[in-house]
Amino acid sequence: MEPNYGRLRAALIAGKIKLSDEAFSTLIAGLNGIAFGYRAERVVNSEVKTDTELKKELSRLHRASRTILGILDADTTGLGQIEVLLSDAWDGSGLREFVEELRSVSSRLELVLTMLDQNTAIRKRRQDPETWFFLAVYELFAMLTRDAKPGIAGPLHRFTISCAALVDKRIEVPKSENSFRKRLKAALDRRTGKIEVIPRPFFPGKSEPVI
């Protein structure tokens, strides 16, 4: 999906963040990570399965995907015997497309497992997805402002409202700045770690928008 630069620009302005190519790239990458994490957080908090159960199953999937990728990568960069044997099933280059799709899934599995580990370290009790979102946006705001402990009122409040509209319109940010500040402060006081909104190596200008 192409990024809406008008809305991204508005988010930066709302947070009183200096406009630059680096700021746009960081914002896009951060919102990608937050959007993915927020969706996963909603699933985790549905309580269909516990964090432990999900982590166990996802870990099995991740190990299996890495095993398959290891075998197929070695084959496609070598003699390609497996690719030839499976060509009827995947019709030629389809196997390589499957490998790339599996690689993408494996990366997302790794991201989810990282998020689950972060959640275990960050919270002693379960919090709702919106609170997780507020904490994640706070970390993104700190990155953009280059301030490890930015203020939690005016600019951050407006920035969070703008980010919520970009990530999921169902997210309800308190309209009152004072209410927002109290809720975020309580969440910050409870946490014991930080949310990595861009967990993988990130280079400004090279992130693909998915928001």
N, C-alpha and C. Protein backbone atom coordinates (compact mmCIF):
# COMPACT_ATOMS: atom_id res chain seq x y z
N MET A 1 0.84 -1.20 0.00
CA MET A 1 0.00 0.00 0.00
C MET A 1 0.88 1.24 0.00
N GLU A 2 0.55 2.19 -0.86
CA GLU A 2 1.32 3.42 -0.90
C GLU A 2 1.03 4.26 0.34
N PRO A 3 2.09 4.82 0.95
CA PRO A 3 1.88 5.63 2.15
C PRO A 3 1.18 6.93 1.81
N ASN A 4 0.31 7.40 2.71
CA ASN A 4 -0.36 8.68 2.53
C ASN A 4 0.53 9.75 3.14
N TYR A 5 1.36 10.37 2.30
CA TYR A 5 2.35 11.32 2.81
C TYR A 5 1.70 12.54 3.44
N GLY A 6 0.49 12.88 3.00
CA GLY A 6 -0.19 14.01 3.61
C GLY A 6 -0.51 13.73 5.07
N ARG A 7 -1.01 12.53 5.35
CA ARG A 7 -1.36 12.16 6.72
C ARG A 7 -0.11 11.91 7.56
N LEU A 8 0.93 11.36 6.93
CA LEU A 8 2.19 11.17 7.65
C LEU A 8 2.80 12.52 8.01
N ARG A 9 2.74 13.44 7.08
CA ARG A 9 3.27 14.79 7.33
C ARG A 9 2.48 15.45 8.46
N ALA A 10 1.16 15.26 8.44
CA ALA A 10 0.32 15.85 9.48
C ALA A 10 0.67 15.28 10.85
N ALA A 11 1.00 13.97 10.89
CA ALA A 11 1.37 13.33 12.16
C ALA A 11 2.66 13.94 12.71
N LEU A 12 3.64 14.15 11.82
CA LEU A 12 4.91 14.75 12.26
C LEU A 12 4.70 16.17 12.75
N ILE A 13 3.89 16.92 12.03
CA ILE A 13 3.62 18.30 12.43
C ILE A 13 2.88 18.33 13.77
N ALA A 14 1.94 17.41 13.95
CA ALA A 14 1.18 17.35 15.21
C ALA A 14 2.11 17.12 16.39
N GLY A 15 3.16 16.33 16.16
CA GLY A 15 4.11 16.06 17.23
C GLY A 15 5.24 17.06 17.32
N LYS A 16 5.17 18.11 16.50
CA LYS A 16 6.21 19.13 16.45
C LYS A 16 7.58 18.52 16.12
N ILE A 17 7.56 17.58 15.18
CA ILE A 17 8.78 16.88 14.76
C ILE A 17 9.25 17.49 13.45
N LYS A 18 10.53 17.77 13.37
CA LYS A 18 11.09 18.40 12.17
C LYS A 18 10.91 17.49 10.96
N LEU A 19 10.40 18.04 9.88
CA LEU A 19 10.17 17.27 8.66
C LEU A 19 11.49 17.00 7.95
N SER A 20 11.72 15.74 7.64
CA SER A 20 12.93 15.34 6.90
C SER A 20 12.68 13.96 6.30
N ASP A 21 13.51 13.58 5.33
CA ASP A 21 13.38 12.25 4.73
C ASP A 21 13.57 11.17 5.80
N GLU A 22 14.51 11.39 6.70
CA GLU A 22 14.77 10.41 7.76
C GLU A 22 13.56 10.26 8.68
N ALA A 23 12.92 11.41 9.00
CA ALA A 23 11.75 11.36 9.87
C ALA A 23 10.61 10.59 9.21
N PHE A 24 10.40 10.83 7.90
CA PHE A 24 9.35 10.11 7.17
C PHE A 24 9.64 8.60 7.15
N SER A 25 10.89 8.24 6.86
CA SER A 25 11.27 6.83 6.79
C SER A 25 11.11 6.14 8.14
N THR A 26 11.54 6.82 9.20
CA THR A 26 11.42 6.26 10.55
C THR A 26 9.96 6.12 10.94
N LEU A 27 9.15 7.11 10.60
CA LEU A 27 7.72 7.06 10.92
C LEU A 27 7.04 5.90 10.20
N ILE A 28 7.33 5.73 8.92
CA ILE A 28 6.72 4.64 8.15
C ILE A 28 7.13 3.29 8.72
N ALA A 29 8.43 3.11 8.97
CA ALA A 29 8.93 1.85 9.52
C ALA A 29 8.33 1.58 10.90
N GLY A 30 8.25 2.63 11.72
CA GLY A 30 7.70 2.48 13.06
C GLY A 30 6.23 2.13 13.04
N LEU A 31 5.46 2.78 12.18
CA LEU A 31 4.03 2.49 12.09
C LEU A 31 3.78 1.10 11.52
N ASN A 32 4.66 0.66 10.61
CA ASN A 32 4.55 -0.71 10.11
C ASN A 32 4.66 -1.70 11.27
N GLY A 33 5.70 -1.51 12.08
CA GLY A 33 5.92 -2.39 13.22
C GLY A 33 4.79 -2.31 14.24
N ILE A 34 4.31 -1.10 14.50
CA ILE A 34 3.23 -0.92 15.48
C ILE A 34 1.93 -1.52 14.97
N ALA A 35 1.63 -1.33 13.69
CA ALA A 35 0.40 -1.88 13.12
C ALA A 35 0.40 -3.40 13.22
N PHE A 36 1.54 -4.00 12.88
CA PHE A 36 1.65 -5.46 12.96
C PHE A 36 1.54 -5.92 14.42
N GLY A 37 2.26 -5.24 15.31
CA GLY A 37 2.23 -5.60 16.72
C GLY A 37 0.87 -5.42 17.35
N TYR A 38 0.17 -4.36 16.95
CA TYR A 38 -1.17 -4.10 17.52
C TYR A 38 -2.15 -5.18 17.09
N ARG A 39 -2.09 -5.58 15.82
CA ARG A 39 -2.98 -6.67 15.36
C ARG A 39 -2.68 -7.96 16.12
N ALA A 40 -1.37 -8.24 16.29
CA ALA A 40 -1.00 -9.45 17.03
C ALA A 40 -1.44 -9.35 18.48
N GLU A 41 -1.34 -8.15 19.06
CA GLU A 41 -1.75 -7.95 20.45
C GLU A 41 -3.24 -8.21 20.63
N ARG A 42 -4.02 -7.80 19.65
CA ARG A 42 -5.47 -8.05 19.73
C ARG A 42 -5.75 -9.56 19.71
N VAL A 43 -4.99 -10.29 18.90
CA VAL A 43 -5.17 -11.74 18.84
C VAL A 43 -4.75 -12.38 20.15
N VAL A 44 -3.58 -11.97 20.67
CA VAL A 44 -3.08 -12.53 21.93
C VAL A 44 -4.06 -12.28 23.07
N ASN A 45 -4.64 -11.10 23.09
CA ASN A 45 -5.55 -10.74 24.18
C ASN A 45 -6.96 -11.30 24.00
N SER A 46 -7.20 -12.01 22.89
CA SER A 46 -8.51 -12.62 22.72
C SER A 46 -8.70 -13.79 23.68
N GLU A 47 -7.59 -14.27 24.26
CA GLU A 47 -7.59 -15.33 25.27
C GLU A 47 -8.10 -16.67 24.72
N VAL A 48 -8.10 -16.83 23.39
CA VAL A 48 -8.41 -18.13 22.82
C VAL A 48 -7.30 -19.10 23.21
N LYS A 49 -6.05 -18.61 23.15
CA LYS A 49 -4.90 -19.37 23.62
C LYS A 49 -4.04 -18.47 24.49
N THR A 50 -3.33 -19.06 25.42
CA THR A 50 -2.45 -18.29 26.28
C THR A 50 -1.19 -17.88 25.52
N ASP A 51 -0.46 -16.90 26.05
CA ASP A 51 0.80 -16.49 25.44
C ASP A 51 1.75 -17.68 25.32
N THR A 52 1.79 -18.51 26.35
CA THR A 52 2.69 -19.68 26.36
C THR A 52 2.32 -20.67 25.26
N GLU A 53 1.01 -20.94 25.11
CA GLU A 53 0.56 -21.86 24.07
C GLU A 53 0.87 -21.32 22.68
N LEU A 54 0.58 -20.03 22.48
CA LEU A 54 0.86 -19.42 21.18
C LEU A 54 2.35 -19.46 20.86
N LYS A 55 3.16 -19.11 21.87
CA LYS A 55 4.61 -19.08 21.65
C LYS A 55 5.13 -20.46 21.30
N LYS A 56 4.62 -21.50 21.95
CA LYS A 56 5.06 -22.86 21.67
C LYS A 56 4.74 -23.25 20.23
N GLU A 57 3.51 -22.97 19.79
CA GLU A 57 3.11 -23.34 18.44
C GLU A 57 3.84 -22.50 17.39
N LEU A 58 3.99 -21.20 17.66
CA LEU A 58 4.69 -20.33 16.72
C LEU A 58 6.16 -20.71 16.62
N SER A 59 6.75 -21.11 17.74
CA SER A 59 8.16 -21.55 17.72
C SER A 59 8.33 -22.79 16.86
N ARG A 60 7.37 -23.72 16.95
CA ARG A 60 7.42 -24.92 16.12
C ARG A 60 7.32 -24.56 14.63
N LEU A 61 6.40 -23.64 14.33
CA LEU A 61 6.25 -23.20 12.94
C LEU A 61 7.53 -22.52 12.44
N HIS A 62 8.13 -21.70 13.30
CA HIS A 62 9.33 -20.98 12.91
C HIS A 62 10.48 -21.95 12.64
N ARG A 63 10.66 -22.94 13.52
CA ARG A 63 11.72 -23.93 13.32
C ARG A 63 11.48 -24.72 12.03
N ALA A 64 10.21 -25.10 11.80
CA ALA A 64 9.89 -25.86 10.60
C ALA A 64 10.15 -25.04 9.34
N SER A 65 9.76 -23.77 9.37
CA SER A 65 9.97 -22.92 8.19
C SER A 65 11.45 -22.72 7.90
N ARG A 66 12.26 -22.57 8.98
CA ARG A 66 13.70 -22.40 8.77
C ARG A 66 14.33 -23.67 8.20
N THR A 67 13.82 -24.83 8.64
CA THR A 67 14.33 -26.10 8.12
C THR A 67 14.02 -26.23 6.63
N ILE A 68 12.76 -25.93 6.26
CA ILE A 68 12.36 -26.02 4.85
C ILE A 68 13.17 -25.04 4.00
N LEU A 69 13.32 -23.81 4.50
CA LEU A 69 14.08 -22.80 3.76
C LEU A 69 15.53 -23.22 3.57
N GLY A 70 16.12 -23.83 4.61
CA GLY A 70 17.50 -24.27 4.50
C GLY A 70 17.67 -25.30 3.40
N ILE A 71 16.74 -26.25 3.33
CA ILE A 71 16.81 -27.30 2.32
C ILE A 71 16.59 -26.74 0.91
N LEU A 72 15.54 -25.91 0.76
CA LEU A 72 15.21 -25.39 -0.57
C LEU A 72 16.20 -24.34 -1.05
N ASP A 73 16.74 -23.53 -0.13
CA ASP A 73 17.76 -22.56 -0.53
C ASP A 73 19.01 -23.26 -1.06
N ALA A 74 19.41 -24.33 -0.36
CA ALA A 74 20.58 -25.09 -0.80
C ALA A 74 20.33 -25.72 -2.17
N ASP A 75 19.10 -26.17 -2.39
CA ASP A 75 18.77 -26.82 -3.67
C ASP A 75 18.75 -25.82 -4.82
N THR A 76 18.07 -24.68 -4.61
CA THR A 76 17.92 -23.70 -5.69
C THR A 76 19.22 -22.99 -6.03
N THR A 77 20.19 -22.99 -5.09
CA THR A 77 21.50 -22.38 -5.39
C THR A 77 22.50 -23.45 -5.84
N GLY A 78 22.05 -24.70 -5.84
CA GLY A 78 22.93 -25.79 -6.26
C GLY A 78 22.46 -26.41 -7.56
N LEU A 79 22.30 -27.73 -7.56
CA LEU A 79 21.90 -28.44 -8.77
C LEU A 79 20.42 -28.30 -9.09
N GLY A 80 19.62 -27.95 -8.08
CA GLY A 80 18.19 -27.76 -8.31
C GLY A 80 17.43 -29.05 -8.54
N GLN A 81 17.91 -30.14 -7.95
CA GLN A 81 17.24 -31.43 -8.17
C GLN A 81 15.83 -31.46 -7.59
N ILE A 82 15.68 -30.92 -6.40
CA ILE A 82 14.34 -30.89 -5.78
C ILE A 82 13.41 -30.01 -6.60
N GLU A 83 13.94 -28.89 -7.09
CA GLU A 83 13.12 -27.98 -7.91
C GLU A 83 12.63 -28.68 -9.17
N VAL A 84 13.50 -29.48 -9.78
CA VAL A 84 13.11 -30.22 -10.99
C VAL A 84 12.04 -31.25 -10.67
N LEU A 85 12.23 -31.96 -9.55
CA LEU A 85 11.28 -33.01 -9.17
C LEU A 85 9.90 -32.44 -8.83
N LEU A 86 9.89 -31.22 -8.32
CA LEU A 86 8.62 -30.60 -7.93
C LEU A 86 8.07 -29.65 -8.98
N SER A 87 8.71 -29.57 -10.13
CA SER A 87 8.30 -28.60 -11.15
C SER A 87 6.88 -28.84 -11.64
N ASP A 88 6.43 -30.10 -11.69
CA ASP A 88 5.06 -30.38 -12.12
C ASP A 88 4.05 -29.82 -11.12
N ALA A 89 4.40 -29.91 -9.83
CA ALA A 89 3.48 -29.43 -8.79
C ALA A 89 3.43 -27.92 -8.75
N TRP A 90 4.59 -27.25 -8.96
CA TRP A 90 4.62 -25.80 -8.84
C TRP A 90 4.77 -25.10 -10.18
N ASP A 91 4.84 -25.85 -11.27
CA ASP A 91 4.90 -25.27 -12.61
C ASP A 91 6.09 -24.32 -12.77
N GLY A 92 7.27 -24.89 -12.82
CA GLY A 92 8.46 -24.10 -13.10
C GLY A 92 8.94 -23.28 -11.95
N SER A 93 8.97 -21.93 -12.15
CA SER A 93 9.54 -21.01 -11.17
C SER A 93 8.68 -20.87 -9.92
N GLY A 94 7.53 -21.53 -9.87
CA GLY A 94 6.65 -21.42 -8.72
C GLY A 94 7.31 -21.81 -7.41
N LEU A 95 8.25 -22.76 -7.46
CA LEU A 95 8.93 -23.18 -6.24
C LEU A 95 9.71 -22.04 -5.64
N ARG A 96 10.37 -21.27 -6.46
CA ARG A 96 11.15 -20.13 -5.95
C ARG A 96 10.23 -19.06 -5.37
N GLU A 97 9.08 -18.90 -5.97
CA GLU A 97 8.11 -17.94 -5.43
C GLU A 97 7.62 -18.42 -4.07
N PHE A 98 7.41 -19.74 -3.97
CA PHE A 98 7.00 -20.33 -2.70
C PHE A 98 8.07 -20.09 -1.63
N VAL A 99 9.34 -20.24 -2.01
CA VAL A 99 10.44 -20.03 -1.06
C VAL A 99 10.42 -18.59 -0.54
N GLU A 100 10.20 -17.63 -1.43
CA GLU A 100 10.19 -16.22 -1.00
C GLU A 100 8.99 -15.92 -0.11
N GLU A 101 7.84 -16.53 -0.43
CA GLU A 101 6.66 -16.34 0.42
C GLU A 101 6.90 -16.96 1.80
N LEU A 102 7.53 -18.14 1.82
CA LEU A 102 7.83 -18.79 3.09
C LEU A 102 8.84 -17.98 3.89
N ARG A 103 9.79 -17.37 3.20
CA ARG A 103 10.78 -16.53 3.87
C ARG A 103 10.10 -15.34 4.55
N SER A 104 9.10 -14.76 3.87
CA SER A 104 8.34 -13.65 4.45
C SER A 104 7.57 -14.09 5.68
N VAL A 105 6.93 -15.27 5.59
CA VAL A 105 6.19 -15.80 6.73
C VAL A 105 7.13 -16.08 7.89
N SER A 106 8.30 -16.63 7.60
CA SER A 106 9.27 -16.94 8.65
C SER A 106 9.73 -15.67 9.37
N SER A 107 9.91 -14.59 8.60
CA SER A 107 10.32 -13.31 9.21
C SER A 107 9.23 -12.77 10.12
N ARG A 108 7.97 -12.94 9.70
CA ARG A 108 6.86 -12.47 10.52
C ARG A 108 6.72 -13.32 11.78
N LEU A 109 6.97 -14.61 11.66
CA LEU A 109 6.95 -15.47 12.84
C LEU A 109 8.01 -15.02 13.85
N GLU A 110 9.17 -14.67 13.34
CA GLU A 110 10.25 -14.20 14.21
C GLU A 110 9.86 -12.90 14.90
N LEU A 111 9.17 -12.02 14.15
CA LEU A 111 8.73 -10.75 14.72
C LEU A 111 7.70 -10.96 15.82
N VAL A 112 6.75 -11.88 15.60
CA VAL A 112 5.73 -12.17 16.59
C VAL A 112 6.36 -12.76 17.85
N LEU A 113 7.32 -13.68 17.68
CA LEU A 113 7.99 -14.28 18.83
C LEU A 113 8.75 -13.23 19.63
N THR A 114 9.36 -12.28 18.93
CA THR A 114 10.06 -11.19 19.61
C THR A 114 9.08 -10.34 20.40
N MET A 115 7.91 -10.08 19.79
CA MET A 115 6.89 -9.28 20.46
C MET A 115 6.37 -9.97 21.72
N LEU A 116 6.16 -11.29 21.63
CA LEU A 116 5.68 -12.05 22.79
C LEU A 116 6.71 -12.02 23.92
N ASP A 117 8.00 -12.10 23.57
CA ASP A 117 9.05 -12.01 24.57
C ASP A 117 9.05 -10.63 25.22
N GLN A 118 8.85 -9.59 24.40
CA GLN A 118 8.80 -8.23 24.93
C GLN A 118 7.64 -8.07 25.89
N ASN A 119 6.50 -8.61 25.52
CA ASN A 119 5.32 -8.49 26.38
C ASN A 119 5.54 -9.13 27.73
N THR A 120 6.23 -10.28 27.75
CA THR A 120 6.50 -10.97 29.00
C THR A 120 7.38 -10.11 29.90
N ALA A 121 8.34 -9.41 29.28
CA ALA A 121 9.25 -8.57 30.06
C ALA A 121 8.62 -7.25 30.47
N ILE A 122 7.72 -6.74 29.63
CA ILE A 122 7.16 -5.40 29.86
C ILE A 122 6.07 -5.39 30.92
N ARG A 123 5.23 -6.41 30.96
CA ARG A 123 4.07 -6.33 31.82
C ARG A 123 3.99 -7.48 32.82
N LYS A 124 3.56 -7.18 33.98
CA LYS A 124 3.35 -8.19 35.00
C LYS A 124 1.89 -8.63 34.97
N ARG A 125 1.03 -7.82 34.39
CA ARG A 125 -0.37 -8.19 34.24
C ARG A 125 -0.81 -7.84 32.84
N ARG A 126 -1.83 -8.50 32.36
CA ARG A 126 -2.29 -8.29 30.99
C ARG A 126 -2.85 -6.89 30.81
N GLN A 127 -2.50 -6.26 29.70
CA GLN A 127 -3.02 -4.94 29.40
C GLN A 127 -3.75 -5.00 28.07
N ASP A 128 -4.66 -4.07 27.86
CA ASP A 128 -5.42 -4.13 26.62
C ASP A 128 -4.58 -3.63 25.44
N PRO A 129 -4.96 -3.98 24.22
CA PRO A 129 -4.18 -3.62 23.04
C PRO A 129 -3.98 -2.11 22.88
N GLU A 130 -4.95 -1.31 23.30
CA GLU A 130 -4.81 0.14 23.16
C GLU A 130 -3.68 0.66 24.05
N THR A 131 -3.57 0.12 25.26
CA THR A 131 -2.49 0.54 26.15
C THR A 131 -1.15 0.17 25.53
N TRP A 132 -1.07 -1.04 24.96
CA TRP A 132 0.15 -1.45 24.26
C TRP A 132 0.46 -0.45 23.13
N PHE A 133 -0.57 -0.07 22.39
CA PHE A 133 -0.40 0.87 21.29
C PHE A 133 0.15 2.20 21.79
N PHE A 134 -0.39 2.73 22.90
CA PHE A 134 0.07 4.01 23.44
C PHE A 134 1.55 3.92 23.83
N LEU A 135 1.97 2.80 24.44
CA LEU A 135 3.36 2.62 24.82
C LEU A 135 4.26 2.54 23.58
N ALA A 136 3.78 1.83 22.55
CA ALA A 136 4.56 1.69 21.32
C ALA A 136 4.74 3.05 20.63
N VAL A 137 3.68 3.83 20.57
CA VAL A 137 3.76 5.15 19.93
C VAL A 137 4.68 6.06 20.74
N TYR A 138 4.64 5.92 22.05
CA TYR A 138 5.55 6.70 22.92
C TYR A 138 7.00 6.40 22.55
N GLU A 139 7.32 5.11 22.33
CA GLU A 139 8.69 4.74 21.96
C GLU A 139 9.05 5.30 20.58
N LEU A 140 8.10 5.27 19.64
CA LEU A 140 8.34 5.84 18.31
C LEU A 140 8.56 7.34 18.41
N PHE A 141 7.76 8.00 19.22
CA PHE A 141 7.88 9.45 19.42
C PHE A 141 9.26 9.79 20.00
N ALA A 142 9.73 8.95 20.94
CA ALA A 142 11.06 9.17 21.53
C ALA A 142 12.15 9.04 20.47
N MET A 143 11.99 8.09 19.55
CA MET A 143 12.95 7.92 18.47
C MET A 143 12.97 9.13 17.54
N LEU A 144 11.79 9.59 17.20
CA LEU A 144 11.68 10.71 16.25
C LEU A 144 12.18 12.03 16.84
N THR A 145 11.96 12.21 18.14
CA THR A 145 12.39 13.45 18.79
C THR A 145 13.80 13.35 19.35
N ARG A 146 14.37 12.13 19.29
CA ARG A 146 15.71 11.87 19.84
C ARG A 146 15.77 12.25 21.33
N ASP A 147 14.69 11.95 22.02
CA ASP A 147 14.59 12.23 23.45
C ASP A 147 14.11 10.95 24.14
N ALA A 148 14.95 10.36 24.97
CA ALA A 148 14.61 9.09 25.62
C ALA A 148 13.39 9.20 26.52
N LYS A 149 13.15 10.39 27.07
CA LYS A 149 12.01 10.60 27.96
C LYS A 149 11.26 11.87 27.53
N PRO A 150 10.53 11.77 26.41
CA PRO A 150 9.80 12.95 25.92
C PRO A 150 8.60 13.26 26.81
N GLY A 151 8.10 14.47 26.70
CA GLY A 151 6.90 14.83 27.46
C GLY A 151 5.72 13.98 27.02
N ILE A 152 4.75 13.80 27.90
CA ILE A 152 3.61 12.94 27.57
C ILE A 152 2.31 13.72 27.45
N ALA A 153 2.42 14.98 27.16
CA ALA A 153 1.21 15.79 27.02
C ALA A 153 1.01 16.23 25.57
N GLY A 154 0.77 17.52 25.36
CA GLY A 154 0.42 18.12 24.08
C GLY A 154 0.85 17.45 22.79
N PRO A 155 2.12 17.66 22.34
CA PRO A 155 2.55 17.10 21.06
C PRO A 155 2.39 15.59 20.97
N LEU A 156 2.74 14.86 22.03
CA LEU A 156 2.61 13.41 22.00
C LEU A 156 1.15 13.00 21.89
N HIS A 157 0.27 13.69 22.57
CA HIS A 157 -1.16 13.40 22.52
C HIS A 157 -1.67 13.54 21.08
N ARG A 158 -1.33 14.65 20.45
CA ARG A 158 -1.77 14.89 19.08
C ARG A 158 -1.13 13.91 18.11
N PHE A 159 0.14 13.58 18.33
CA PHE A 159 0.85 12.61 17.50
C PHE A 159 0.19 11.24 17.61
N THR A 160 -0.20 10.85 18.82
CA THR A 160 -0.83 9.55 19.05
C THR A 160 -2.18 9.47 18.34
N ILE A 161 -2.93 10.55 18.38
CA ILE A 161 -4.23 10.60 17.69
C ILE A 161 -4.02 10.39 16.19
N SER A 162 -3.00 11.06 15.62
CA SER A 162 -2.72 10.92 14.19
C SER A 162 -2.28 9.50 13.84
N CYS A 163 -1.45 8.91 14.69
CA CYS A 163 -0.97 7.54 14.45
C CYS A 163 -2.11 6.54 14.54
N ALA A 164 -3.01 6.76 15.49
CA ALA A 164 -4.16 5.85 15.65
C ALA A 164 -5.01 5.84 14.39
N ALA A 165 -5.20 6.99 13.78
CA ALA A 165 -5.99 7.08 12.56
C ALA A 165 -5.31 6.34 11.41
N LEU A 166 -3.97 6.32 11.42
CA LEU A 166 -3.23 5.64 10.36
C LEU A 166 -3.18 4.13 10.57
N VAL A 167 -3.16 3.68 11.82
CA VAL A 167 -3.02 2.25 12.13
C VAL A 167 -4.36 1.54 12.16
N ASP A 168 -5.32 2.07 12.93
CA ASP A 168 -6.63 1.42 13.08
C ASP A 168 -7.60 2.43 13.67
N LYS A 169 -8.61 2.77 12.91
CA LYS A 169 -9.56 3.80 13.34
C LYS A 169 -10.38 3.38 14.55
N ARG A 170 -10.30 2.08 14.91
CA ARG A 170 -11.03 1.62 16.09
C ARG A 170 -10.32 1.98 17.39
N ILE A 171 -9.06 2.38 17.29
CA ILE A 171 -8.30 2.75 18.49
C ILE A 171 -8.86 4.05 19.05
N GLU A 172 -9.21 4.04 20.31
CA GLU A 172 -9.79 5.22 20.94
C GLU A 172 -8.75 5.90 21.84
N VAL A 173 -8.26 7.02 21.38
CA VAL A 173 -7.32 7.82 22.17
C VAL A 173 -8.15 8.81 23.00
N PRO A 174 -7.92 8.88 24.30
CA PRO A 174 -8.68 9.83 25.13
C PRO A 174 -8.65 11.23 24.53
N LYS A 175 -9.81 11.84 24.38
CA LYS A 175 -9.86 13.18 23.79
C LYS A 175 -9.25 14.22 24.71
N SER A 176 -9.40 14.00 25.99
CA SER A 176 -8.83 14.91 26.97
C SER A 176 -7.32 14.66 27.11
N GLU A 177 -6.55 15.71 26.95
CA GLU A 177 -5.10 15.59 27.09
C GLU A 177 -4.73 15.11 28.50
N ASN A 178 -5.45 15.58 29.48
CA ASN A 178 -5.17 15.19 30.86
C ASN A 178 -5.45 13.70 31.08
N SER A 179 -6.55 13.20 30.52
CA SER A 179 -6.90 11.78 30.65
C SER A 179 -5.86 10.91 29.96
N PHE A 180 -5.43 11.37 28.77
CA PHE A 180 -4.40 10.63 28.04
C PHE A 180 -3.11 10.58 28.85
N ARG A 181 -2.72 11.72 29.42
CA ARG A 181 -1.47 11.78 30.18
C ARG A 181 -1.52 10.83 31.38
N LYS A 182 -2.66 10.80 32.08
CA LYS A 182 -2.79 9.93 33.26
C LYS A 182 -2.71 8.46 32.87
N ARG A 183 -3.39 8.11 31.78
CA ARG A 183 -3.40 6.70 31.36
C ARG A 183 -2.01 6.26 30.92
N LEU A 184 -1.33 7.10 30.14
CA LEU A 184 -0.01 6.74 29.66
C LEU A 184 1.00 6.69 30.81
N LYS A 185 0.90 7.63 31.72
CA LYS A 185 1.82 7.66 32.86
C LYS A 185 1.68 6.38 33.69
N ALA A 186 0.43 5.95 33.90
CA ALA A 186 0.20 4.72 34.67
C ALA A 186 0.81 3.52 33.96
N ALA A 187 0.68 3.49 32.63
CA ALA A 187 1.23 2.38 31.85
C ALA A 187 2.76 2.41 31.88
N LEU A 188 3.34 3.59 31.79
CA LEU A 188 4.80 3.73 31.83
C LEU A 188 5.33 3.32 33.20
N ASP A 189 4.61 3.64 34.25
CA ASP A 189 5.03 3.29 35.61
C ASP A 189 5.01 1.78 35.84
N ARG A 190 4.09 1.08 35.14
CA ARG A 190 3.96 -0.37 35.33
C ARG A 190 4.98 -1.17 34.53
N ARG A 191 5.43 -0.64 33.42
CA ARG A 191 6.29 -1.42 32.54
C ARG A 191 7.68 -1.64 33.13
N THR A 192 8.32 -2.71 32.69
CA THR A 192 9.67 -3.01 33.15
C THR A 192 10.65 -3.13 31.98
N GLY A 193 10.20 -2.76 30.80
CA GLY A 193 11.06 -2.81 29.62
C GLY A 193 10.49 -1.92 28.54
N LYS A 194 11.13 -1.92 27.37
CA LYS A 194 10.69 -1.08 26.26
C LYS A 194 10.20 -1.93 25.09
N ILE A 195 9.29 -1.37 24.33
CA ILE A 195 8.82 -2.01 23.10
C ILE A 195 9.70 -1.56 21.96
N GLU A 196 10.28 -2.52 21.25
CA GLU A 196 11.09 -2.19 20.07
C GLU A 196 10.14 -2.08 18.88
N VAL A 197 9.82 -0.86 18.49
CA VAL A 197 8.86 -0.68 17.40
C VAL A 197 9.46 -1.01 16.04
N ILE A 198 10.79 -1.01 15.95
CA ILE A 198 11.48 -1.41 14.73
C ILE A 198 12.50 -2.47 15.15
N PRO A 199 12.04 -3.71 15.40
CA PRO A 199 12.92 -4.73 15.96
C PRO A 199 14.02 -5.22 15.05
N ARG A 200 13.82 -5.16 13.71
CA ARG A 200 14.83 -5.64 12.79
C ARG A 200 15.74 -4.50 12.35
N PRO A 201 16.96 -4.82 11.83
CA PRO A 201 17.86 -3.78 11.35
C PRO A 201 17.13 -2.84 10.40
N PHE A 202 17.27 -1.53 10.63
CA PHE A 202 16.50 -0.55 9.86
C PHE A 202 17.42 0.49 9.27
N PHE A 203 17.25 0.78 8.00
CA PHE A 203 18.03 1.80 7.34
C PHE A 203 17.07 2.81 6.72
N PRO A 204 17.09 4.08 7.18
CA PRO A 204 16.18 5.09 6.68
C PRO A 204 16.17 5.15 5.16
N GLY A 205 14.96 5.21 4.60
CA GLY A 205 14.81 5.31 3.16
C GLY A 205 14.66 4.00 2.45
N LYS A 206 14.82 2.85 3.19
CA LYS A 206 14.76 1.55 2.56
C LYS A 206 13.60 0.70 3.05
N SER A 207 12.73 1.27 3.86
CA SER A 207 11.62 0.48 4.38
C SER A 207 10.45 0.49 3.42
N GLU A 208 9.82 -0.66 3.27
CA GLU A 208 8.67 -0.77 2.37
C GLU A 208 7.40 -0.49 3.15
N PRO A 209 6.57 0.46 2.70
CA PRO A 209 5.34 0.78 3.42
C PRO A 209 4.30 -0.32 3.33
N VAL A 210 3.74 -0.69 4.46
CA VAL A 210 2.66 -1.68 4.44
C VAL A 210 1.45 -1.16 5.20
N ILE A 211 1.50 0.06 5.72
CA ILE A 211 0.38 0.60 6.48
C ILE A 211 -0.71 1.03 5.53
